Amino acid sequence: MLDRTIDGLCRLFGVLMVACLALMVLMVFGNVVLRYGFNSGITASEELSRWLFVWMTFLGAIVAVRKHAHLGTDALVSRLPLAGRKACFVAAHGLMLYVCFLMGRGAWQQAVINLETTSAVMQVSMAWLYASGVLFAVLAGLFIVIELMRLFSGRLSDAELIGVTDTEDKPHAEERGRP
């Protein structure tokens, strides 16, 4: 049930990322046409495009944490015995939790500091920009804790202990005789 809810949330974030990208393209392209063709432009489009890019980046990072899509290497971990892989899994997830804590605390502090500060063009509280970092830290931290709980409850398979997703060119490397 929890996995379905999280997967649904990630699909929603995927839709929001597509919407952010589409809006950014429309606004930037529209602004270029307006500036070069009609010597005018939409002032808020540059600022809103930046904000959408920030939100799209953090939403994508949340989905990437869920899907194990961030960069990583398994050269050492894959060669360790089961106990070593589990220890590395716990250490890596502990470090990721610490980074989420730091990001969440910093983004929260920036949101509070900038609560009364408004953006130059749109006149919207700058706290909304920093809220994307808070959302990332909370949800990524939650996903990491859930994985740790799965490990400690024995519901995490041995294959899931290595958190690196194979690359697209792995079959080509195997064809060349390299693993």
N, C-alpha and C. Protein backbone atom coordinates (compact mmCIF):
# COMPACT_ATOMS: atom_id res chain seq x y z
N MET A 1 0.83 -1.19 0.00
CA MET A 1 0.00 0.00 0.00
C MET A 1 0.87 1.26 0.00
N LEU A 2 1.89 1.27 0.86
CA LEU A 2 2.77 2.42 0.93
C LEU A 2 3.55 2.61 -0.36
N ASP A 3 4.01 1.49 -0.94
CA ASP A 3 4.75 1.57 -2.20
C ASP A 3 3.88 2.13 -3.32
N ARG A 4 2.62 1.72 -3.37
CA ARG A 4 1.71 2.24 -4.41
C ARG A 4 1.48 3.73 -4.22
N THR A 5 1.37 4.17 -2.98
CA THR A 5 1.17 5.59 -2.71
C THR A 5 2.39 6.40 -3.14
N ILE A 6 3.57 5.90 -2.79
CA ILE A 6 4.80 6.59 -3.16
C ILE A 6 4.98 6.60 -4.67
N ASP A 7 4.69 5.48 -5.33
CA ASP A 7 4.79 5.43 -6.79
C ASP A 7 3.81 6.39 -7.43
N GLY A 8 2.61 6.50 -6.88
CA GLY A 8 1.63 7.46 -7.39
C GLY A 8 2.11 8.89 -7.22
N LEU A 9 2.72 9.17 -6.08
CA LEU A 9 3.27 10.50 -5.84
C LEU A 9 4.39 10.81 -6.84
N CYS A 10 5.22 9.82 -7.11
CA CYS A 10 6.31 10.02 -8.08
C CYS A 10 5.75 10.23 -9.49
N ARG A 11 4.67 9.53 -9.84
CA ARG A 11 4.04 9.77 -11.14
C ARG A 11 3.47 11.18 -11.21
N LEU A 12 2.87 11.64 -10.12
CA LEU A 12 2.36 13.02 -10.06
C LEU A 12 3.51 14.01 -10.24
N PHE A 13 4.62 13.75 -9.58
CA PHE A 13 5.79 14.63 -9.74
C PHE A 13 6.29 14.61 -11.18
N GLY A 14 6.23 13.45 -11.82
CA GLY A 14 6.61 13.36 -13.23
C GLY A 14 5.74 14.25 -14.10
N VAL A 15 4.43 14.23 -13.85
CA VAL A 15 3.51 15.08 -14.59
C VAL A 15 3.80 16.55 -14.31
N LEU A 16 4.07 16.88 -13.06
CA LEU A 16 4.40 18.27 -12.71
C LEU A 16 5.70 18.71 -13.38
N MET A 17 6.68 17.81 -13.48
CA MET A 17 7.94 18.15 -14.15
C MET A 17 7.71 18.43 -15.63
N VAL A 18 6.86 17.62 -16.27
CA VAL A 18 6.53 17.85 -17.67
C VAL A 18 5.83 19.19 -17.83
N ALA A 19 4.91 19.49 -16.92
CA ALA A 19 4.21 20.78 -16.99
C ALA A 19 5.18 21.94 -16.79
N CYS A 20 6.10 21.81 -15.85
CA CYS A 20 7.11 22.86 -15.63
C CYS A 20 7.94 23.07 -16.88
N LEU A 21 8.39 21.98 -17.48
CA LEU A 21 9.22 22.09 -18.68
C LEU A 21 8.44 22.71 -19.84
N ALA A 22 7.20 22.29 -20.01
CA ALA A 22 6.37 22.85 -21.09
C ALA A 22 6.15 24.34 -20.88
N LEU A 23 5.84 24.74 -19.66
CA LEU A 23 5.65 26.16 -19.37
C LEU A 23 6.92 26.96 -19.59
N MET A 24 8.05 26.39 -19.18
CA MET A 24 9.33 27.08 -19.38
C MET A 24 9.60 27.29 -20.87
N VAL A 25 9.39 26.25 -21.66
CA VAL A 25 9.63 26.36 -23.10
C VAL A 25 8.70 27.39 -23.72
N LEU A 26 7.42 27.33 -23.37
CA LEU A 26 6.46 28.30 -23.92
C LEU A 26 6.81 29.73 -23.54
N MET A 27 7.15 29.94 -22.27
CA MET A 27 7.46 31.30 -21.83
C MET A 27 8.73 31.84 -22.46
N VAL A 28 9.77 31.03 -22.49
CA VAL A 28 11.04 31.50 -23.05
C VAL A 28 10.90 31.72 -24.56
N PHE A 29 10.31 30.76 -25.26
CA PHE A 29 10.12 30.91 -26.70
C PHE A 29 9.21 32.10 -27.00
N GLY A 30 8.11 32.21 -26.25
CA GLY A 30 7.21 33.35 -26.45
C GLY A 30 7.90 34.67 -26.21
N ASN A 31 8.73 34.73 -25.21
CA ASN A 31 9.45 35.96 -24.89
C ASN A 31 10.46 36.30 -25.99
N VAL A 32 11.12 35.29 -26.54
CA VAL A 32 12.06 35.53 -27.64
C VAL A 32 11.32 36.10 -28.85
N VAL A 33 10.19 35.48 -29.18
CA VAL A 33 9.40 35.97 -30.31
C VAL A 33 8.92 37.39 -30.06
N LEU A 34 8.43 37.65 -28.86
CA LEU A 34 7.95 39.00 -28.55
C LEU A 34 9.07 40.03 -28.59
N ARG A 35 10.24 39.67 -28.11
CA ARG A 35 11.34 40.65 -28.09
C ARG A 35 11.88 40.95 -29.48
N TYR A 36 12.08 39.89 -30.28
CA TYR A 36 12.66 40.12 -31.60
C TYR A 36 11.62 40.53 -32.64
N GLY A 37 10.40 40.06 -32.48
CA GLY A 37 9.38 40.38 -33.47
C GLY A 37 8.58 41.62 -33.18
N PHE A 38 8.36 41.91 -31.91
CA PHE A 38 7.46 43.00 -31.55
C PHE A 38 8.07 44.01 -30.59
N ASN A 39 9.35 43.82 -30.28
CA ASN A 39 10.08 44.73 -29.39
C ASN A 39 9.37 44.91 -28.04
N SER A 40 8.85 43.80 -27.52
CA SER A 40 8.22 43.82 -26.20
C SER A 40 8.55 42.48 -25.53
N GLY A 41 7.92 42.20 -24.44
CA GLY A 41 8.16 40.93 -23.76
C GLY A 41 7.33 40.83 -22.50
N ILE A 42 7.31 39.64 -21.96
CA ILE A 42 6.60 39.40 -20.71
C ILE A 42 7.65 39.39 -19.61
N THR A 43 7.58 40.38 -18.75
CA THR A 43 8.62 40.57 -17.74
C THR A 43 8.71 39.39 -16.78
N ALA A 44 7.59 38.85 -16.37
CA ALA A 44 7.59 37.79 -15.35
C ALA A 44 8.07 36.45 -15.90
N SER A 45 8.16 36.31 -17.22
CA SER A 45 8.49 34.99 -17.77
C SER A 45 9.89 34.52 -17.39
N GLU A 46 10.85 35.43 -17.32
CA GLU A 46 12.22 35.02 -16.96
C GLU A 46 12.28 34.54 -15.51
N GLU A 47 11.67 35.29 -14.63
CA GLU A 47 11.70 34.91 -13.21
C GLU A 47 10.91 33.63 -12.97
N LEU A 48 9.74 33.52 -13.57
CA LEU A 48 8.92 32.33 -13.39
C LEU A 48 9.60 31.11 -13.99
N SER A 49 10.28 31.28 -15.10
CA SER A 49 11.03 30.17 -15.70
C SER A 49 12.12 29.67 -14.76
N ARG A 50 12.81 30.58 -14.11
CA ARG A 50 13.84 30.18 -13.13
C ARG A 50 13.22 29.41 -11.98
N TRP A 51 12.11 29.88 -11.48
CA TRP A 51 11.45 29.21 -10.36
C TRP A 51 10.97 27.82 -10.78
N LEU A 52 10.39 27.72 -11.97
CA LEU A 52 9.93 26.42 -12.45
C LEU A 52 11.10 25.45 -12.63
N PHE A 53 12.23 25.97 -13.08
CA PHE A 53 13.42 25.13 -13.24
C PHE A 53 13.90 24.59 -11.89
N VAL A 54 13.90 25.43 -10.88
CA VAL A 54 14.32 25.00 -9.54
C VAL A 54 13.37 23.92 -9.02
N TRP A 55 12.05 24.16 -9.14
CA TRP A 55 11.09 23.18 -8.67
C TRP A 55 11.18 21.88 -9.46
N MET A 56 11.36 21.98 -10.78
CA MET A 56 11.48 20.80 -11.61
C MET A 56 12.71 19.98 -11.20
N THR A 57 13.80 20.65 -10.90
CA THR A 57 15.03 19.97 -10.50
C THR A 57 14.83 19.22 -9.19
N PHE A 58 14.23 19.85 -8.20
CA PHE A 58 14.03 19.17 -6.92
C PHE A 58 13.00 18.06 -7.01
N LEU A 59 11.94 18.24 -7.80
CA LEU A 59 10.97 17.16 -7.98
C LEU A 59 11.64 15.97 -8.67
N GLY A 60 12.48 16.26 -9.66
CA GLY A 60 13.22 15.19 -10.34
C GLY A 60 14.18 14.47 -9.40
N ALA A 61 14.79 15.22 -8.49
CA ALA A 61 15.70 14.60 -7.52
C ALA A 61 14.94 13.68 -6.57
N ILE A 62 13.72 14.05 -6.22
CA ILE A 62 12.89 13.18 -5.35
C ILE A 62 12.60 11.87 -6.07
N VAL A 63 12.17 11.98 -7.33
CA VAL A 63 11.86 10.78 -8.11
C VAL A 63 13.13 9.94 -8.30
N ALA A 64 14.26 10.58 -8.52
CA ALA A 64 15.52 9.85 -8.70
C ALA A 64 15.92 9.10 -7.44
N VAL A 65 15.68 9.68 -6.28
CA VAL A 65 15.97 8.97 -5.02
C VAL A 65 15.12 7.71 -4.94
N ARG A 66 13.87 7.84 -5.29
CA ARG A 66 12.96 6.69 -5.23
C ARG A 66 13.38 5.58 -6.20
N LYS A 67 13.82 5.98 -7.41
CA LYS A 67 14.15 5.00 -8.45
C LYS A 67 15.62 4.61 -8.48
N HIS A 68 16.41 5.11 -7.52
CA HIS A 68 17.85 4.84 -7.47
C HIS A 68 18.53 5.27 -8.78
N ALA A 69 18.18 6.43 -9.27
CA ALA A 69 18.67 6.89 -10.57
C ALA A 69 19.84 7.87 -10.46
N HIS A 70 20.29 8.17 -9.25
CA HIS A 70 21.45 9.05 -9.12
C HIS A 70 22.72 8.28 -9.46
N LEU A 71 23.76 9.02 -9.78
CA LEU A 71 25.02 8.38 -10.13
C LEU A 71 25.59 7.60 -8.95
N GLY A 72 26.22 6.52 -9.25
CA GLY A 72 26.84 5.72 -8.21
C GLY A 72 27.74 4.68 -8.84
N THR A 73 28.50 4.02 -8.02
CA THR A 73 29.36 2.95 -8.50
C THR A 73 29.24 1.75 -7.56
N ASP A 74 29.30 0.58 -8.14
CA ASP A 74 29.18 -0.63 -7.34
C ASP A 74 30.42 -1.51 -7.43
N ALA A 75 31.53 -0.93 -7.87
CA ALA A 75 32.75 -1.70 -8.06
C ALA A 75 33.20 -2.40 -6.79
N LEU A 76 33.11 -1.74 -5.66
CA LEU A 76 33.53 -2.34 -4.39
C LEU A 76 32.39 -3.12 -3.74
N VAL A 77 31.23 -2.51 -3.66
CA VAL A 77 30.11 -3.10 -2.92
C VAL A 77 29.69 -4.43 -3.51
N SER A 78 29.68 -4.55 -4.83
CA SER A 78 29.23 -5.80 -5.44
C SER A 78 30.17 -6.97 -5.15
N ARG A 79 31.40 -6.69 -4.76
CA ARG A 79 32.36 -7.75 -4.48
C ARG A 79 32.40 -8.15 -2.99
N LEU A 80 31.66 -7.42 -2.17
CA LEU A 80 31.66 -7.71 -0.73
C LEU A 80 30.71 -8.85 -0.40
N PRO A 81 30.95 -9.51 0.72
CA PRO A 81 29.98 -10.51 1.18
C PRO A 81 28.70 -9.80 1.65
N LEU A 82 27.68 -10.58 1.91
CA LEU A 82 26.37 -10.03 2.27
C LEU A 82 26.45 -9.07 3.45
N ALA A 83 27.18 -9.43 4.48
CA ALA A 83 27.30 -8.55 5.65
C ALA A 83 27.97 -7.22 5.27
N GLY A 84 28.95 -7.26 4.41
CA GLY A 84 29.63 -6.04 3.96
C GLY A 84 28.71 -5.16 3.13
N ARG A 85 27.90 -5.80 2.26
CA ARG A 85 26.94 -5.02 1.46
C ARG A 85 25.91 -4.35 2.35
N LYS A 86 25.47 -5.08 3.39
CA LYS A 86 24.50 -4.49 4.31
C LYS A 86 25.12 -3.32 5.09
N ALA A 87 26.35 -3.48 5.52
CA ALA A 87 27.02 -2.40 6.25
C ALA A 87 27.19 -1.17 5.35
N CYS A 88 27.58 -1.39 4.11
CA CYS A 88 27.72 -0.25 3.17
C CYS A 88 26.37 0.39 2.90
N PHE A 89 25.32 -0.42 2.79
CA PHE A 89 23.97 0.10 2.56
C PHE A 89 23.55 1.01 3.71
N VAL A 90 23.78 0.54 4.94
CA VAL A 90 23.41 1.34 6.11
C VAL A 90 24.25 2.62 6.18
N ALA A 91 25.55 2.50 5.92
CA ALA A 91 26.42 3.68 5.96
C ALA A 91 26.02 4.70 4.90
N ALA A 92 25.79 4.23 3.68
CA ALA A 92 25.41 5.14 2.60
C ALA A 92 24.07 5.81 2.89
N HIS A 93 23.11 5.05 3.38
CA HIS A 93 21.81 5.64 3.69
C HIS A 93 21.89 6.58 4.89
N GLY A 94 22.76 6.26 5.84
CA GLY A 94 22.97 7.18 6.96
C GLY A 94 23.54 8.51 6.49
N LEU A 95 24.52 8.45 5.58
CA LEU A 95 25.09 9.68 5.03
C LEU A 95 24.05 10.46 4.22
N MET A 96 23.24 9.75 3.45
CA MET A 96 22.19 10.44 2.68
C MET A 96 21.18 11.10 3.60
N LEU A 97 20.85 10.44 4.70
CA LEU A 97 19.93 11.05 5.67
C LEU A 97 20.53 12.31 6.27
N TYR A 98 21.82 12.27 6.54
CA TYR A 98 22.49 13.45 7.09
C TYR A 98 22.47 14.61 6.09
N VAL A 99 22.72 14.30 4.82
CA VAL A 99 22.67 15.34 3.79
C VAL A 99 21.25 15.88 3.66
N CYS A 100 20.25 15.00 3.72
CA CYS A 100 18.85 15.47 3.69
C CYS A 100 18.57 16.39 4.87
N PHE A 101 19.08 16.02 6.04
CA PHE A 101 18.91 16.87 7.22
C PHE A 101 19.54 18.24 6.99
N LEU A 102 20.78 18.26 6.48
CA LEU A 102 21.45 19.54 6.24
C LEU A 102 20.70 20.37 5.21
N MET A 103 20.28 19.74 4.12
CA MET A 103 19.54 20.47 3.09
C MET A 103 18.21 20.98 3.63
N GLY A 104 17.53 20.15 4.36
CA GLY A 104 16.23 20.55 4.92
C GLY A 104 16.37 21.69 5.90
N ARG A 105 17.35 21.59 6.77
CA ARG A 105 17.57 22.67 7.75
C ARG A 105 17.95 23.97 7.05
N GLY A 106 18.85 23.88 6.08
CA GLY A 106 19.27 25.09 5.37
C GLY A 106 18.15 25.70 4.54
N ALA A 107 17.39 24.86 3.84
CA ALA A 107 16.28 25.37 3.04
C ALA A 107 15.20 25.97 3.95
N TRP A 108 14.95 25.33 5.09
CA TRP A 108 13.96 25.87 6.04
C TRP A 108 14.41 27.24 6.56
N GLN A 109 15.68 27.33 6.94
CA GLN A 109 16.20 28.61 7.43
C GLN A 109 16.09 29.69 6.37
N GLN A 110 16.41 29.36 5.13
CA GLN A 110 16.29 30.34 4.05
C GLN A 110 14.84 30.73 3.81
N ALA A 111 13.94 29.75 3.90
CA ALA A 111 12.52 30.06 3.71
C ALA A 111 12.03 31.01 4.81
N VAL A 112 12.43 30.76 6.04
CA VAL A 112 12.01 31.64 7.15
C VAL A 112 12.62 33.02 6.99
N ILE A 113 13.90 33.08 6.65
CA ILE A 113 14.57 34.38 6.47
C ILE A 113 13.90 35.19 5.36
N ASN A 114 13.52 34.51 4.28
CA ASN A 114 12.98 35.19 3.10
C ASN A 114 11.46 35.19 3.04
N LEU A 115 10.81 34.89 4.14
CA LEU A 115 9.35 34.84 4.16
C LEU A 115 8.73 36.18 3.78
N GLU A 116 9.29 37.25 4.27
CA GLU A 116 8.75 38.58 3.99
C GLU A 116 9.38 39.23 2.75
N THR A 117 10.40 38.59 2.19
CA THR A 117 11.06 39.11 1.00
C THR A 117 10.29 38.65 -0.23
N THR A 118 10.02 39.57 -1.13
CA THR A 118 9.30 39.19 -2.34
C THR A 118 10.24 39.23 -3.54
N SER A 119 9.88 38.46 -4.55
CA SER A 119 10.69 38.44 -5.77
C SER A 119 10.56 39.77 -6.49
N ALA A 120 11.56 40.07 -7.29
CA ALA A 120 11.63 41.39 -7.92
C ALA A 120 10.47 41.66 -8.87
N VAL A 121 10.08 40.68 -9.66
CA VAL A 121 9.08 40.93 -10.69
C VAL A 121 7.70 40.45 -10.28
N MET A 122 7.61 39.20 -9.83
CA MET A 122 6.29 38.62 -9.52
C MET A 122 5.73 39.05 -8.17
N GLN A 123 6.58 39.58 -7.31
CA GLN A 123 6.16 40.02 -5.97
C GLN A 123 5.55 38.87 -5.15
N VAL A 124 6.18 37.69 -5.27
CA VAL A 124 5.78 36.50 -4.52
C VAL A 124 6.85 36.24 -3.47
N SER A 125 6.44 35.74 -2.32
CA SER A 125 7.40 35.46 -1.25
C SER A 125 8.48 34.51 -1.73
N MET A 126 9.71 34.86 -1.45
CA MET A 126 10.85 34.03 -1.84
C MET A 126 10.88 32.71 -1.07
N ALA A 127 10.09 32.60 -0.02
CA ALA A 127 10.02 31.35 0.73
C ALA A 127 9.51 30.21 -0.15
N TRP A 128 8.68 30.52 -1.16
CA TRP A 128 8.19 29.50 -2.07
C TRP A 128 9.32 28.86 -2.87
N LEU A 129 10.32 29.63 -3.19
CA LEU A 129 11.46 29.08 -3.92
C LEU A 129 12.22 28.09 -3.04
N TYR A 130 12.44 28.43 -1.79
CA TYR A 130 13.19 27.57 -0.88
C TYR A 130 12.36 26.40 -0.38
N ALA A 131 11.06 26.47 -0.53
CA ALA A 131 10.19 25.36 -0.13
C ALA A 131 10.48 24.11 -0.95
N SER A 132 10.99 24.30 -2.15
CA SER A 132 11.33 23.13 -2.98
C SER A 132 12.43 22.30 -2.31
N GLY A 133 13.39 22.96 -1.69
CA GLY A 133 14.46 22.25 -0.97
C GLY A 133 13.94 21.55 0.27
N VAL A 134 12.99 22.18 0.96
CA VAL A 134 12.39 21.55 2.14
C VAL A 134 11.62 20.30 1.72
N LEU A 135 10.83 20.42 0.65
CA LEU A 135 10.06 19.27 0.16
C LEU A 135 10.99 18.12 -0.23
N PHE A 136 12.07 18.45 -0.94
CA PHE A 136 13.04 17.41 -1.31
C PHE A 136 13.60 16.73 -0.07
N ALA A 137 14.06 17.51 0.88
CA ALA A 137 14.70 16.94 2.07
C ALA A 137 13.75 16.03 2.84
N VAL A 138 12.51 16.44 2.99
CA VAL A 138 11.54 15.65 3.75
C VAL A 138 11.21 14.35 3.02
N LEU A 139 10.87 14.45 1.73
CA LEU A 139 10.46 13.25 1.00
C LEU A 139 11.63 12.31 0.73
N ALA A 140 12.77 12.85 0.35
CA ALA A 140 13.94 11.99 0.12
C ALA A 140 14.34 11.31 1.42
N GLY A 141 14.32 12.05 2.52
CA GLY A 141 14.62 11.46 3.82
C GLY A 141 13.64 10.35 4.18
N LEU A 142 12.36 10.57 3.89
CA LEU A 142 11.34 9.56 4.15
C LEU A 142 11.59 8.30 3.31
N PHE A 143 11.92 8.48 2.02
CA PHE A 143 12.20 7.33 1.16
C PHE A 143 13.42 6.55 1.67
N ILE A 144 14.41 7.25 2.15
CA ILE A 144 15.62 6.60 2.66
C ILE A 144 15.32 5.83 3.95
N VAL A 145 14.53 6.43 4.82
CA VAL A 145 14.14 5.75 6.07
C VAL A 145 13.32 4.49 5.76
N ILE A 146 12.43 4.58 4.78
CA ILE A 146 11.63 3.41 4.40
C ILE A 146 12.53 2.28 3.91
N GLU A 147 13.54 2.62 3.12
CA GLU A 147 14.47 1.58 2.66
C GLU A 147 15.25 0.97 3.82
N LEU A 148 15.67 1.79 4.77
CA LEU A 148 16.36 1.25 5.95
C LEU A 148 15.43 0.34 6.75
N MET A 149 14.17 0.73 6.89
CA MET A 149 13.21 -0.12 7.61
C MET A 149 13.02 -1.44 6.88
N ARG A 150 12.98 -1.40 5.56
CA ARG A 150 12.86 -2.64 4.78
C ARG A 150 14.08 -3.54 5.00
N LEU A 151 15.26 -2.94 5.10
CA LEU A 151 16.46 -3.74 5.35
C LEU A 151 16.39 -4.40 6.73
N PHE A 152 16.08 -3.61 7.75
CA PHE A 152 16.08 -4.13 9.11
C PHE A 152 14.94 -5.11 9.37
N SER A 153 13.86 -5.02 8.58
CA SER A 153 12.76 -5.97 8.75
C SER A 153 12.92 -7.20 7.87
N GLY A 154 13.99 -7.25 7.07
CA GLY A 154 14.25 -8.40 6.23
C GLY A 154 13.47 -8.43 4.94
N ARG A 155 12.85 -7.32 4.56
CA ARG A 155 12.05 -7.27 3.33
C ARG A 155 12.82 -6.70 2.14
N LEU A 156 14.12 -6.51 2.29
CA LEU A 156 14.96 -5.98 1.21
C LEU A 156 15.78 -7.13 0.65
N SER A 157 15.67 -7.37 -0.64
CA SER A 157 16.40 -8.48 -1.26
C SER A 157 17.89 -8.15 -1.34
N ASP A 158 18.69 -9.18 -1.51
CA ASP A 158 20.13 -9.00 -1.62
C ASP A 158 20.49 -8.14 -2.84
N ALA A 159 19.74 -8.29 -3.91
CA ALA A 159 20.01 -7.50 -5.13
C ALA A 159 19.77 -6.01 -4.89
N GLU A 160 18.85 -5.68 -4.00
CA GLU A 160 18.53 -4.28 -3.72
C GLU A 160 19.57 -3.61 -2.82
N LEU A 161 20.49 -4.38 -2.28
CA LEU A 161 21.53 -3.79 -1.44
C LEU A 161 22.52 -2.96 -2.26
N ILE A 162 22.60 -3.25 -3.54
CA ILE A 162 23.45 -2.46 -4.43
C ILE A 162 22.53 -1.47 -5.11
N GLY A 163 22.65 -0.20 -4.73
CA GLY A 163 21.71 0.82 -5.16
C GLY A 163 22.04 1.49 -6.47
N VAL A 164 22.76 0.84 -7.36
CA VAL A 164 23.13 1.44 -8.63
C VAL A 164 22.29 0.81 -9.72
N THR A 165 21.66 1.63 -10.54
CA THR A 165 20.91 1.15 -11.68
C THR A 165 21.86 0.97 -12.84
N ASP A 166 21.71 -0.14 -13.56
CA ASP A 166 22.59 -0.40 -14.71
C ASP A 166 22.43 0.68 -15.76
N THR A 167 23.52 0.94 -16.48
CA THR A 167 23.48 1.93 -17.55
C THR A 167 22.97 1.29 -18.83
N GLU A 168 22.64 2.14 -19.79
CA GLU A 168 22.12 1.64 -21.06
C GLU A 168 23.18 0.90 -21.84
N ASP A 169 24.45 1.26 -21.70
CA ASP A 169 25.49 0.63 -22.50
C ASP A 169 26.10 -0.59 -21.84
N LYS A 170 25.52 -1.10 -20.77
CA LYS A 170 26.05 -2.31 -20.14
C LYS A 170 26.02 -3.50 -21.09
N PRO A 171 24.93 -3.73 -21.87
CA PRO A 171 24.97 -4.85 -22.80
C PRO A 171 26.11 -4.73 -23.81
N HIS A 172 26.43 -3.50 -24.23
CA HIS A 172 27.52 -3.31 -25.17
C HIS A 172 28.86 -3.66 -24.52
N ALA A 173 29.01 -3.36 -23.24
CA ALA A 173 30.24 -3.68 -22.53
C ALA A 173 30.39 -5.20 -22.41
N GLU A 174 29.29 -5.90 -22.20
CA GLU A 174 29.34 -7.35 -22.10
C GLU A 174 29.70 -7.98 -23.43
N GLU A 175 29.21 -7.37 -24.53
CA GLU A 175 29.55 -7.88 -25.85
C GLU A 175 31.05 -7.76 -26.12
N ARG A 176 31.68 -6.72 -25.57
CA ARG A 176 33.11 -6.52 -25.78
C ARG A 176 33.93 -7.39 -24.84
N GLY A 177 33.28 -8.20 -24.01
CA GLY A 177 34.00 -9.10 -23.13
C GLY A 177 34.31 -8.48 -21.77
N ARG A 178 33.72 -7.31 -21.46
CA ARG A 178 33.93 -6.70 -20.15
C ARG A 178 32.62 -6.74 -19.38
N PRO A 179 32.67 -7.00 -18.08
CA PRO A 179 31.44 -7.03 -17.27
C PRO A 179 30.89 -5.65 -17.03
